Amino acid sequence: MIFITARFLVKPEHADDWAAISRPFTEATRAEQGCLWFDWSRSLDDPTEYVLVEAFRDADAGATHVQSAHFQEATATLPAYLVSTPRIVNAVLDQDDWSELGEMRVP
């Protein structure tokens, strides 16, 4: 799978509305056949920072995502709400789901 984590710094005046602002992009991406997950979290330390954790089945699914109309729309419209260019970590992993965190196994 292609595993991506991205940090978005949202302008303070838009931070509380980010879920609604990004919802069309989020919903369209989650509906893609090759999308395994696409989940936003808000930082506990900085209310203007959102972290996106996303995964796609394979390179073809990733390519379909970046070529989609909703991706093109997001890259054209979402930067207006951001303080800076998002930072990203992108990796290809030999798995297709989350692994268990064995060190915190719940009995």
PDB file of N, CA and C in Angstrom:
ATOM      1  N   MET A   1       0.836  -1.182   0.000  1.00  0.00           N
ATOM      2  CA  MET A   1       0.000   0.000   0.000  1.00  0.00           C
ATOM      3  C   MET A   1       0.874   1.236   0.000  1.00  0.00           C
ATOM      4  N   ILE A   2       0.289   2.336  -0.453  1.00  0.00           N
ATOM      5  CA  ILE A   2       0.929   3.646  -0.339  1.00  0.00           C
ATOM      6  C   ILE A   2       0.353   4.293   0.915  1.00  0.00           C
ATOM      7  N   PHE A   3       1.242   4.621   1.859  1.00  0.00           N
ATOM      8  CA  PHE A   3       0.837   5.204   3.137  1.00  0.00           C
ATOM      9  C   PHE A   3       1.352   6.630   3.187  1.00  0.00           C
ATOM     10  N   ILE A   4       0.456   7.566   3.453  1.00  0.00           N
ATOM     11  CA  ILE A   4       0.790   8.992   3.428  1.00  0.00           C
ATOM     12  C   ILE A   4       0.298   9.653   4.709  1.00  0.00           C
ATOM     13  N   THR A   5       1.168  10.465   5.273  1.00  0.00           N
ATOM     14  CA  THR A   5       0.777  11.323   6.385  1.00  0.00           C
ATOM     15  C   THR A   5       1.160  12.744   5.998  1.00  0.00           C
ATOM     16  N   ALA A   6       0.228  13.676   6.151  1.00  0.00           N
ATOM     17  CA  ALA A   6       0.482  15.064   5.776  1.00  0.00           C
ATOM     18  C   ALA A   6       0.024  16.004   6.885  1.00  0.00           C
ATOM     19  N   ARG A   7       0.820  17.041   7.133  1.00  0.00           N
ATOM     20  CA  ARG A   7       0.499  18.059   8.145  1.00  0.00           C
ATOM     21  C   ARG A   7       0.029  19.328   7.445  1.00  0.00           C
ATOM     22  N   PHE A   8      -1.144  19.803   7.831  1.00  0.00           N
ATOM     23  CA  PHE A   8      -1.744  21.006   7.266  1.00  0.00           C
ATOM     24  C   PHE A   8      -1.845  22.069   8.351  1.00  0.00           C
ATOM     25  N   LEU A   9      -1.257  23.231   8.114  1.00  0.00           N
ATOM     26  CA  LEU A   9      -1.416  24.362   9.020  1.00  0.00           C
ATOM     27  C   LEU A   9      -2.472  25.288   8.421  1.00  0.00           C
ATOM     28  N   VAL A  10      -3.602  25.336   9.081  1.00  0.00           N
ATOM     29  CA  VAL A  10      -4.760  26.071   8.580  1.00  0.00           C
ATOM     30  C   VAL A  10      -4.761  27.483   9.181  1.00  0.00           C
ATOM     31  N   LYS A  11      -5.132  28.457   8.385  1.00  0.00           N
ATOM     32  CA  LYS A  11      -5.230  29.827   8.900  1.00  0.00           C
ATOM     33  C   LYS A  11      -6.172  29.830  10.107  1.00  0.00           C
ATOM     34  N   PRO A  12      -5.805  30.548  11.164  1.00  0.00           N
ATOM     35  CA  PRO A  12      -6.605  30.520  12.403  1.00  0.00           C
ATOM     36  C   PRO A  12      -8.088  30.802  12.192  1.00  0.00           C
ATOM     37  N   GLU A  13      -8.412  31.706  11.298  1.00  0.00           N
ATOM     38  CA  GLU A  13      -9.819  32.051  11.083  1.00  0.00           C
ATOM     39  C   GLU A  13     -10.607  30.936  10.391  1.00  0.00           C
ATOM     40  N   HIS A  14      -9.922  29.927   9.872  1.00  0.00           N
ATOM     41  CA  HIS A  14     -10.580  28.799   9.203  1.00  0.00           C
ATOM     42  C   HIS A  14     -10.411  27.473   9.945  1.00  0.00           C
ATOM     43  N   ALA A  15      -9.645  27.482  11.020  1.00  0.00           N
ATOM     44  CA  ALA A  15      -9.300  26.230  11.698  1.00  0.00           C
ATOM     45  C   ALA A  15     -10.529  25.471  12.206  1.00  0.00           C
ATOM     46  N   ASP A  16     -11.480  26.169  12.798  1.00  0.00           N
ATOM     47  CA  ASP A  16     -12.663  25.484  13.317  1.00  0.00           C
ATOM     48  C   ASP A  16     -13.581  24.966  12.209  1.00  0.00           C
ATOM     49  N   ASP A  17     -13.423  25.483  11.011  1.00  0.00           N
ATOM     50  CA  ASP A  17     -14.266  25.091   9.880  1.00  0.00           C
ATOM     51  C   ASP A  17     -13.586  24.107   8.926  1.00  0.00           C
ATOM     52  N   TRP A  18     -12.353  23.686   9.256  1.00  0.00           N
ATOM     53  CA  TRP A  18     -11.592  22.854   8.324  1.00  0.00           C
ATOM     54  C   TRP A  18     -12.313  21.558   7.954  1.00  0.00           C
ATOM     55  N   ALA A  19     -12.966  20.927   8.907  1.00  0.00           N
ATOM     56  CA  ALA A  19     -13.680  19.683   8.588  1.00  0.00           C
ATOM     57  C   ALA A  19     -14.725  19.922   7.500  1.00  0.00           C
ATOM     58  N   ALA A  20     -15.465  21.001   7.602  1.00  0.00           N
ATOM     59  CA  ALA A  20     -16.481  21.317   6.589  1.00  0.00           C
ATOM     60  C   ALA A  20     -15.834  21.751   5.274  1.00  0.00           C
ATOM     61  N   ILE A  21     -14.765  22.536   5.371  1.00  0.00           N
ATOM     62  CA  ILE A  21     -14.081  23.013   4.162  1.00  0.00           C
ATOM     63  C   ILE A  21     -13.518  21.841   3.358  1.00  0.00           C
ATOM     64  N   SER A  22     -12.930  20.879   4.038  1.00  0.00           N
ATOM     65  CA  SER A  22     -12.290  19.750   3.354  1.00  0.00           C
ATOM     66  C   SER A  22     -13.238  18.567   3.110  1.00  0.00           C
ATOM     67  N   ARG A  23     -14.480  18.657   3.592  1.00  0.00           N
ATOM     68  CA  ARG A  23     -15.418  17.530   3.494  1.00  0.00           C
ATOM     69  C   ARG A  23     -15.653  17.034   2.065  1.00  0.00           C
ATOM     70  N   PRO A  24     -15.902  17.889   1.072  1.00  0.00           N
ATOM     71  CA  PRO A  24     -16.124  17.348  -0.281  1.00  0.00           C
ATOM     72  C   PRO A  24     -14.930  16.529  -0.789  1.00  0.00           C
ATOM     73  N   PHE A  25     -13.726  17.016  -0.546  1.00  0.00           N
ATOM     74  CA  PHE A  25     -12.517  16.296  -0.943  1.00  0.00           C
ATOM     75  C   PHE A  25     -12.404  14.983  -0.178  1.00  0.00           C
ATOM     76  N   THR A  26     -12.658  15.043   1.114  1.00  0.00           N
ATOM     77  CA  THR A  26     -12.570  13.855   1.961  1.00  0.00           C
ATOM     78  C   THR A  26     -13.562  12.793   1.509  1.00  0.00           C
ATOM     79  N   GLU A  27     -14.813  13.170   1.329  1.00  0.00           N
ATOM     80  CA  GLU A  27     -15.844  12.203   0.948  1.00  0.00           C
ATOM     81  C   GLU A  27     -15.579  11.600  -0.428  1.00  0.00           C
ATOM     82  N   ALA A  28     -15.154  12.438  -1.373  1.00  0.00           N
ATOM     83  CA  ALA A  28     -14.875  11.924  -2.723  1.00  0.00           C
ATOM     84  C   ALA A  28     -13.684  10.966  -2.697  1.00  0.00           C
ATOM     85  N   THR A  29     -12.669  11.292  -1.910  1.00  0.00           N
ATOM     86  CA  THR A  29     -11.505  10.414  -1.827  1.00  0.00           C
ATOM     87  C   THR A  29     -11.861   9.093  -1.162  1.00  0.00           C
ATOM     88  N   ARG A  30     -12.615   9.148  -0.084  1.00  0.00           N
ATOM     89  CA  ARG A  30     -13.020   7.918   0.601  1.00  0.00           C
ATOM     90  C   ARG A  30     -13.845   7.006  -0.303  1.00  0.00           C
ATOM     91  N   ALA A  31     -14.527   7.580  -1.286  1.00  0.00           N
ATOM     92  CA  ALA A  31     -15.352   6.792  -2.208  1.00  0.00           C
ATOM     93  C   ALA A  31     -14.535   6.138  -3.317  1.00  0.00           C
ATOM     94  N   GLU A  32     -13.265   6.500  -3.457  1.00  0.00           N
ATOM     95  CA  GLU A  32     -12.424   5.892  -4.486  1.00  0.00           C
ATOM     96  C   GLU A  32     -12.235   4.406  -4.192  1.00  0.00           C
ATOM     97  N   GLN A  33     -12.286   3.602  -5.220  1.00  0.00           N
ATOM     98  CA  GLN A  33     -12.163   2.158  -5.062  1.00  0.00           C
ATOM     99  C   GLN A  33     -10.851   1.754  -4.396  1.00  0.00           C
ATOM    100  N   GLY A  34      -9.764   2.444  -4.688  1.00  0.00           N
ATOM    101  CA  GLY A  34      -8.459   2.064  -4.162  1.00  0.00           C
ATOM    102  C   GLY A  34      -8.070   2.726  -2.857  1.00  0.00           C
ATOM    103  N   CYS A  35      -8.949   3.551  -2.296  1.00  0.00           N
ATOM    104  CA  CYS A  35      -8.657   4.228  -1.031  1.00  0.00           C
ATOM    105  C   CYS A  35      -8.918   3.266   0.132  1.00  0.00           C
ATOM    106  N   LEU A  36      -7.892   3.041   0.943  1.00  0.00           N
ATOM    107  CA  LEU A  36      -8.051   2.183   2.115  1.00  0.00           C
ATOM    108  C   LEU A  36      -8.556   2.994   3.308  1.00  0.00           C
ATOM    109  N   TRP A  37      -8.032   4.192   3.485  1.00  0.00           N
ATOM    110  CA  TRP A  37      -8.542   5.128   4.491  1.00  0.00           C
ATOM    111  C   TRP A  37      -8.045   6.527   4.193  1.00  0.00           C
ATOM    112  N   PHE A  38      -8.752   7.500   4.748  1.00  0.00           N
ATOM    113  CA  PHE A  38      -8.464   8.916   4.537  1.00  0.00           C
ATOM    114  C   PHE A  38      -9.037   9.633   5.751  1.00  0.00           C
ATOM    115  N   ASP A  39      -8.198   9.816   6.771  1.00  0.00           N
ATOM    116  CA  ASP A  39      -8.673  10.274   8.077  1.00  0.00           C
ATOM    117  C   ASP A  39      -7.923  11.506   8.564  1.00  0.00           C
ATOM    118  N   TRP A  40      -8.692  12.492   9.012  1.00  0.00           N
ATOM    119  CA  TRP A  40      -8.144  13.728   9.563  1.00  0.00           C
ATOM    120  C   TRP A  40      -8.134  13.665  11.083  1.00  0.00           C
ATOM    121  N   SER A  41      -7.090  14.269  11.673  1.00  0.00           N
ATOM    122  CA  SER A  41      -7.018  14.468  13.124  1.00  0.00           C
ATOM    123  C   SER A  41      -6.567  15.893  13.378  1.00  0.00           C
ATOM    124  N   ARG A  42      -7.019  16.435  14.486  1.00  0.00           N
ATOM    125  CA  ARG A  42      -6.623  17.791  14.870  1.00  0.00           C
ATOM    126  C   ARG A  42      -5.611  17.702  16.010  1.00  0.00           C
ATOM    127  N   SER A  43      -4.573  18.483  15.926  1.00  0.00           N
ATOM    128  CA  SER A  43      -3.535  18.474  16.945  1.00  0.00           C
ATOM    129  C   SER A  43      -4.076  18.888  18.308  1.00  0.00           C
ATOM    130  N   LEU A  44      -3.603  18.213  19.340  1.00  0.00           N
ATOM    131  CA  LEU A  44      -3.962  18.591  20.709  1.00  0.00           C
ATOM    132  C   LEU A  44      -3.168  19.806  21.168  1.00  0.00           C
ATOM    133  N   ASP A  45      -2.018  20.056  20.528  1.00  0.00           N
ATOM    134  CA  ASP A  45      -1.138  21.157  20.922  1.00  0.00           C
ATOM    135  C   ASP A  45      -1.351  22.436  20.124  1.00  0.00           C
ATOM    136  N   ASP A  46      -1.778  22.297  18.881  1.00  0.00           N
ATOM    137  CA  ASP A  46      -1.949  23.453  17.997  1.00  0.00           C
ATOM    138  C   ASP A  46      -3.283  23.316  17.274  1.00  0.00           C
ATOM    139  N   PRO A  47      -4.287  24.093  17.667  1.00  0.00           N
ATOM    140  CA  PRO A  47      -5.620  23.946  17.067  1.00  0.00           C
ATOM    141  C   PRO A  47      -5.695  24.330  15.588  1.00  0.00           C
ATOM    142  N   THR A  48      -4.607  24.875  15.039  1.00  0.00           N
ATOM    143  CA  THR A  48      -4.601  25.185  13.607  1.00  0.00           C
ATOM    144  C   THR A  48      -3.942  24.087  12.779  1.00  0.00           C
ATOM    145  N   GLU A  49      -3.446  23.052  13.446  1.00  0.00           N
ATOM    146  CA  GLU A  49      -2.772  21.968  12.725  1.00  0.00           C
ATOM    147  C   GLU A  49      -3.674  20.745  12.608  1.00  0.00           C
ATOM    148  N   TYR A  50      -3.797  20.260  11.383  1.00  0.00           N
ATOM    149  CA  TYR A  50      -4.523  19.024  11.104  1.00  0.00           C
ATOM    150  C   TYR A  50      -3.558  18.039  10.468  1.00  0.00           C
ATOM    151  N   VAL A  51      -3.709  16.773  10.811  1.00  0.00           N
ATOM    152  CA  VAL A  51      -2.890  15.721  10.233  1.00  0.00           C
ATOM    153  C   VAL A  51      -3.813  14.790   9.453  1.00  0.00           C
ATOM    154  N   LEU A  52      -3.422  14.530   8.234  1.00  0.00           N
ATOM    155  CA  LEU A  52      -4.169  13.628   7.365  1.00  0.00           C
ATOM    156  C   LEU A  52      -3.396  12.324   7.249  1.00  0.00           C
ATOM    157  N   VAL A  53      -4.054  11.219   7.567  1.00  0.00           N
ATOM    158  CA  VAL A  53      -3.465   9.892   7.411  1.00  0.00           C
ATOM    159  C   VAL A  53      -4.279   9.190   6.329  1.00  0.00           C
ATOM    160  N   GLU A  54      -3.590   8.833   5.254  1.00  0.00           N
ATOM    161  CA  GLU A  54      -4.299   8.231   4.125  1.00  0.00           C
ATOM    162  C   GLU A  54      -3.516   7.037   3.586  1.00  0.00           C
ATOM    163  N   ALA A  55      -4.236   6.126   2.979  1.00  0.00           N
ATOM    164  CA  ALA A  55      -3.594   4.961   2.370  1.00  0.00           C
ATOM    165  C   ALA A  55      -4.371   4.551   1.128  1.00  0.00           C
ATOM    166  N   PHE A  56      -3.604   4.110   0.147  1.00  0.00           N
ATOM    167  CA  PHE A  56      -4.177   3.630  -1.107  1.00  0.00           C
ATOM    168  C   PHE A  56      -3.641   2.235  -1.397  1.00  0.00           C
ATOM    169  N   ARG A  57      -4.451   1.418  -2.001  1.00  0.00           N
ATOM    170  CA  ARG A  57      -4.156   0.006  -2.236  1.00  0.00           C
ATOM    171  C   ARG A  57      -2.805  -0.208  -2.905  1.00  0.00           C
ATOM    172  N   ASP A  58      -2.496   0.591  -3.929  1.00  0.00           N
ATOM    173  CA  ASP A  58      -1.250   0.396  -4.688  1.00  0.00           C
ATOM    174  C   ASP A  58      -0.968   1.646  -5.511  1.00  0.00           C
ATOM    175  N   ALA A  59       0.085   1.589  -6.312  1.00  0.00           N
ATOM    176  CA  ALA A  59       0.485   2.742  -7.125  1.00  0.00           C
ATOM    177  C   ALA A  59      -0.611   3.160  -8.103  1.00  0.00           C
ATOM    178  N   ASP A  60      -1.327   2.201  -8.656  1.00  0.00           N
ATOM    179  CA  ASP A  60      -2.409   2.542  -9.584  1.00  0.00           C
ATOM    180  C   ASP A  60      -3.510   3.327  -8.872  1.00  0.00           C
ATOM    181  N   ALA A  61      -3.842   2.904  -7.656  1.00  0.00           N
ATOM    182  CA  ALA A  61      -4.863   3.621  -6.885  1.00  0.00           C
ATOM    183  C   ALA A  61      -4.378   5.016  -6.529  1.00  0.00           C
ATOM    184  N   GLY A  62      -3.098   5.154  -6.194  1.00  0.00           N
ATOM    185  CA  GLY A  62      -2.534   6.472  -5.903  1.00  0.00           C
ATOM    186  C   GLY A  62      -2.571   7.380  -7.119  1.00  0.00           C
ATOM    187  N   ALA A  63      -2.252   6.826  -8.282  1.00  0.00           N
ATOM    188  CA  ALA A  63      -2.292   7.605  -9.523  1.00  0.00           C
ATOM    189  C   ALA A  63      -3.713   8.032  -9.857  1.00  0.00           C
ATOM    190  N   THR A  64      -4.662   7.120  -9.681  1.00  0.00           N
ATOM    191  CA  THR A  64      -6.066   7.463  -9.916  1.00  0.00           C
ATOM    192  C   THR A  64      -6.482   8.611  -9.010  1.00  0.00           C
ATOM    193  N   HIS A  65      -6.036   8.579  -7.756  1.00  0.00           N
ATOM    194  CA  HIS A  65      -6.369   9.637  -6.805  1.00  0.00           C
ATOM    195  C   HIS A  65      -5.842  10.998  -7.273  1.00  0.00           C
ATOM    196  N   VAL A  66      -4.558  11.087  -7.599  1.00  0.00           N
ATOM    197  CA  VAL A  66      -3.999  12.393  -7.958  1.00  0.00           C
ATOM    198  C   VAL A  66      -4.466  12.887  -9.322  1.00  0.00           C
ATOM    199  N   GLN A  67      -5.037  11.998 -10.129  1.00  0.00           N
ATOM    200  CA  GLN A  67      -5.569  12.401 -11.430  1.00  0.00           C
ATOM    201  C   GLN A  67      -7.066  12.705 -11.384  1.00  0.00           C
ATOM    202  N   SER A  68      -7.677  12.507 -10.221  1.00  0.00           N
ATOM    203  CA  SER A  68      -9.132  12.695 -10.109  1.00  0.00           C
ATOM    204  C   SER A  68      -9.523  14.170 -10.134  1.00  0.00           C
ATOM    205  N   ALA A  69     -10.756  14.413 -10.525  1.00  0.00           N
ATOM    206  CA  ALA A  69     -11.279  15.783 -10.550  1.00  0.00           C
ATOM    207  C   ALA A  69     -11.306  16.383  -9.149  1.00  0.00           C
ATOM    208  N   HIS A  70     -11.665  15.584  -8.143  1.00  0.00           N
ATOM    209  CA  HIS A  70     -11.735  16.138  -6.792  1.00  0.00           C
ATOM    210  C   HIS A  70     -10.347  16.467  -6.237  1.00  0.00           C
ATOM    211  N   PHE A  71      -9.314  15.734  -6.637  1.00  0.00           N
ATOM    212  CA  PHE A  71      -7.952  16.081  -6.225  1.00  0.00           C
ATOM    213  C   PHE A  71      -7.531  17.387  -6.882  1.00  0.00           C
ATOM    214  N   GLN A  72      -7.832  17.516  -8.156  1.00  0.00           N
ATOM    215  CA  GLN A  72      -7.493  18.749  -8.882  1.00  0.00           C
ATOM    216  C   GLN A  72      -8.224  19.954  -8.267  1.00  0.00           C
ATOM    217  N   GLU A  73      -9.477  19.755  -7.909  1.00  0.00           N
ATOM    218  CA  GLU A  73     -10.256  20.817  -7.265  1.00  0.00           C
ATOM    219  C   GLU A  73      -9.645  21.181  -5.909  1.00  0.00           C
ATOM    220  N   ALA A  74      -9.271  20.183  -5.137  1.00  0.00           N
ATOM    221  CA  ALA A  74      -8.688  20.434  -3.814  1.00  0.00           C
ATOM    222  C   ALA A  74      -7.366  21.186  -3.916  1.00  0.00           C
ATOM    223  N   THR A  75      -6.521  20.795  -4.864  1.00  0.00           N
ATOM    224  CA  THR A  75      -5.234  21.475  -4.992  1.00  0.00           C
ATOM    225  C   THR A  75      -5.403  22.908  -5.498  1.00  0.00           C
ATOM    226  N   ALA A  76      -6.517  23.182  -6.142  1.00  0.00           N
ATOM    227  CA  ALA A  76      -6.796  24.537  -6.620  1.00  0.00           C
ATOM    228  C   ALA A  76      -7.431  25.417  -5.551  1.00  0.00           C
ATOM    229  N   THR A  77      -8.223  24.834  -4.644  1.00  0.00           N
ATOM    230  CA  THR A  77      -8.995  25.646  -3.704  1.00  0.00           C
ATOM    231  C   THR A  77      -8.504  25.609  -2.255  1.00  0.00           C
ATOM    232  N   LEU A  78      -8.035  24.477  -1.776  1.00  0.00           N
ATOM    233  CA  LEU A  78      -7.671  24.370  -0.358  1.00  0.00           C
ATOM    234  C   LEU A  78      -6.475  25.222   0.069  1.00  0.00           C
ATOM    235  N   PRO A  79      -5.467  25.455  -0.774  1.00  0.00           N
ATOM    236  CA  PRO A  79      -4.339  26.278  -0.328  1.00  0.00           C
ATOM    237  C   PRO A  79      -4.729  27.679   0.167  1.00  0.00           C
ATOM    238  N   ALA A  80      -5.836  28.198  -0.279  1.00  0.00           N
ATOM    239  CA  ALA A  80      -6.273  29.526   0.172  1.00  0.00           C
ATOM    240  C   ALA A  80      -6.578  29.550   1.672  1.00  0.00           C
ATOM    241  N   TYR A  81      -6.823  28.396   2.256  1.00  0.00           N
ATOM    242  CA  TYR A  81      -7.149  28.295   3.682  1.00  0.00           C
ATOM    243  C   TYR A  81      -5.934  27.960   4.540  1.00  0.00           C
ATOM    244  N   LEU A  82      -4.780  27.779   3.911  1.00  0.00           N
ATOM    245  CA  LEU A  82      -3.590  27.298   4.611  1.00  0.00           C
ATOM    246  C   LEU A  82      -2.576  28.406   4.866  1.00  0.00           C
ATOM    247  N   VAL A  83      -1.804  28.236   5.928  1.00  0.00           N
ATOM    248  CA  VAL A  83      -0.724  29.153   6.275  1.00  0.00           C
ATOM    249  C   VAL A  83       0.497  28.873   5.411  1.00  0.00           C
ATOM    250  N   SER A  84       0.745  27.590   5.136  1.00  0.00           N
ATOM    251  CA  SER A  84       1.935  27.182   4.392  1.00  0.00           C
ATOM    252  C   SER A  84       1.633  25.892   3.628  1.00  0.00           C
ATOM    253  N   THR A  85       2.552  25.522   2.762  1.00  0.00           N
ATOM    254  CA  THR A  85       2.425  24.283   1.999  1.00  0.00           C
ATOM    255  C   THR A  85       2.462  23.094   2.955  1.00  0.00           C
ATOM    256  N   PRO A  86       1.523  22.180   2.848  1.00  0.00           N
ATOM    257  CA  PRO A  86       1.531  21.006   3.731  1.00  0.00           C
ATOM    258  C   PRO A  86       2.832  20.210   3.605  1.00  0.00           C
ATOM    259  N   ARG A  87       3.223  19.598   4.710  1.00  0.00           N
ATOM    260  CA  ARG A  87       4.403  18.726   4.772  1.00  0.00           C
ATOM    261  C   ARG A  87       3.907  17.283   4.713  1.00  0.00           C
ATOM    262  N   ILE A  88       4.681  16.411   4.057  1.00  0.00           N
ATOM    263  CA  ILE A  88       4.193  15.061   3.792  1.00  0.00           C
ATOM    264  C   ILE A  88       5.278  14.008   4.015  1.00  0.00           C
ATOM    265  N   VAL A  89       4.842  12.844   4.448  1.00  0.00           N
ATOM    266  CA  VAL A  89       5.661  11.636   4.465  1.00  0.00           C
ATOM    267  C   VAL A  89       4.898  10.615   3.628  1.00  0.00           C
ATOM    268  N   ASN A  90       5.591  10.021   2.673  1.00  0.00           N
ATOM    269  CA  ASN A  90       4.974   9.091   1.737  1.00  0.00           C
ATOM    270  C   ASN A  90       5.824   7.834   1.695  1.00  0.00           C
ATOM    271  N   ALA A  91       5.218   6.675   1.925  1.00  0.00           N
ATOM    272  CA  ALA A  91       5.969   5.424   1.919  1.00  0.00           C
ATOM    273  C   ALA A  91       5.145   4.318   1.285  1.00  0.00           C
ATOM    274  N   VAL A  92       5.830   3.381   0.668  1.00  0.00           N
ATOM    275  CA  VAL A  92       5.190   2.179   0.142  1.00  0.00           C
ATOM    276  C   VAL A  92       5.459   1.070   1.151  1.00  0.00           C
ATOM    277  N   LEU A  93       4.395   0.438   1.623  1.00  0.00           N
ATOM    278  CA  LEU A  93       4.503  -0.604   2.640  1.00  0.00           C
ATOM    279  C   LEU A  93       3.953  -1.921   2.110  1.00  0.00           C
ATOM    280  N   ASP A  94       4.550  -2.998   2.554  1.00  0.00           N
ATOM    281  CA  ASP A  94       4.111  -4.330   2.153  1.00  0.00           C
ATOM    282  C   ASP A  94       3.063  -4.832   3.145  1.00  0.00           C
ATOM    283  N   GLN A  95       1.921  -4.168   3.161  1.00  0.00           N
ATOM    284  CA  GLN A  95       0.782  -4.589   3.973  1.00  0.00           C
ATOM    285  C   GLN A  95      -0.451  -3.909   3.410  1.00  0.00           C
ATOM    286  N   ASP A  96      -1.631  -4.296   3.889  1.00  0.00           N
ATOM    287  CA  ASP A  96      -2.854  -3.709   3.353  1.00  0.00           C
ATOM    288  C   ASP A  96      -3.820  -3.256   4.440  1.00  0.00           C
ATOM    289  N   ASP A  97      -3.335  -3.209   5.675  1.00  0.00           N
ATOM    290  CA  ASP A  97      -4.178  -2.754   6.777  1.00  0.00           C
ATOM    291  C   ASP A  97      -3.273  -2.361   7.933  1.00  0.00           C
ATOM    292  N   TRP A  98      -3.864  -1.846   8.997  1.00  0.00           N
ATOM    293  CA  TRP A  98      -3.121  -1.494  10.196  1.00  0.00           C
ATOM    294  C   TRP A  98      -2.606  -2.763  10.867  1.00  0.00           C
ATOM    295  N   SER A  99      -1.413  -2.683  11.443  1.00  0.00           N
ATOM    296  CA  SER A  99      -0.867  -3.775  12.250  1.00  0.00           C
ATOM    297  C   SER A  99      -1.210  -3.511  13.706  1.00  0.00           C
ATOM    298  N   GLU A 100      -1.225  -4.565  14.483  1.00  0.00           N
ATOM    299  CA  GLU A 100      -1.503  -4.432  15.914  1.00  0.00           C
ATOM    300  C   GLU A 100      -0.268  -3.891  16.635  1.00  0.00           C
ATOM    301  N   LEU A 101      -0.463  -2.968  17.568  1.00  0.00           N
ATOM    302  CA  LEU A 101       0.615  -2.438  18.405  1.00  0.00           C
ATOM    303  C   LEU A 101       0.794  -3.381  19.574  1.00  0.00           C
ATOM    304  N   GLY A 102       1.625  -4.399  19.386  1.00  0.00           N
ATOM    305  CA  GLY A 102       1.785  -5.472  20.335  1.00  0.00           C
ATOM    306  C   GLY A 102       2.216  -5.023  21.729  1.00  0.00           C
ATOM    307  N   GLU A 103       2.982  -3.938  21.802  1.00  0.00           N
ATOM    308  CA  GLU A 103       3.463  -3.452  23.089  1.00  0.00           C
ATOM    309  C   GLU A 103       2.330  -2.925  23.969  1.00  0.00           C
ATOM    310  N   MET A 104       1.190  -2.650  23.383  1.00  0.00           N
ATOM    311  CA  MET A 104       0.033  -2.159  24.153  1.00  0.00           C
ATOM    312  C   MET A 104      -1.154  -3.103  24.015  1.00  0.00           C
ATOM    313  N   ARG A 105      -0.841  -4.374  23.865  1.00  0.00           N
ATOM    314  CA  ARG A 105      -1.882  -5.389  23.697  1.00  0.00           C
ATOM    315  C   ARG A 105      -2.891  -5.304  24.846  1.00  0.00           C
ATOM    316  N   VAL A 106      -4.141  -5.283  24.505  1.00  0.00           N
ATOM    317  CA  VAL A 106      -5.221  -5.286  25.505  1.00  0.00           C
ATOM    318  C   VAL A 106      -5.602  -6.728  25.763  1.00  0.00           C
ATOM    319  N   PRO A 107      -5.547  -7.132  27.053  1.00  0.00           N
ATOM    320  CA  PRO A 107      -5.856  -8.533  27.365  1.00  0.00           C
ATOM    321  C   PRO A 107      -7.345  -8.843  27.186  1.00  0.00           C
TER     322      PRO A 107
END
